[in-house]
Amino acid sequence: MFNLYVNRSRAVSKAIMSIAFLFVCVTAQTSGQTGTDSWGDAVDGIQLRLTVTSAGDVPYERPGSSLKPVPVDLPHVECQIWNRGTAAFPVTNSIRDSQFQIDGIWYGSGPGGGSGGTLETLVPGGQSHIYALMLRNGLYELDAQMARVRSTNGDFRILELKPGKHSVRVRTGLNVGGRQVTLISNTIAIEISATPAVR
């Protein structure tokens, strides 16, 4: 009788240890997915993150902003910069003209995009405000020099996203201590519905 009790106790202990081990493994995997893995590769300690705005959320550029989402069929996306480097730098209006890489091809407005005013200064260790980006059909395909690409008939190639799944990431330029730094975000997956959005 005593041996039976001991065997049962050992079995219960093993079961508890197995459950605890499984819980630790799952927690570790979840932490990895929501931690630094969600950011792009660091350049001088600076990283860029791209996310899809949750359904019903209003993209914003500063807390309390009244910026409203534009009615389009494509998902709303937003980006954020994390300064894990050693120098402060300005985040300027040029972030609004970030280029998108969609299914391996870069698109954007081309050279001469917005720049100018400083939106904020990002100190070491700080994360920027979240900036809404406009992912839309009609962006120009860009070559390695960020020049617009022409088709054989002479027309510019433009983005025309078809229904289905697509991979997306974004790049933007920063001036850090007088040196130009290009950041590329993590890759996200989006899915375009074949049914147009209701206006």
Foldseek 3Di string as FASTA:
>chain_A
DVVVVVVVVVVVVVVVVVVVVVVVVVVVVVCVVPPPLQWFDDDQQKTKHKDFDDPPDAFDQDVPDPHGDDDDQFTKMKMKMFAQHAFKFFDWPQVQQWWKQKQNWIFTQFPPDDTDDTPDIAHHGDMHGIHIYDDDWFTFTADPVRHFDADPVGHTDIDDDDFAKMKMKIKTWTQTPNDIDIHITDIDMDGGDPDGDDD
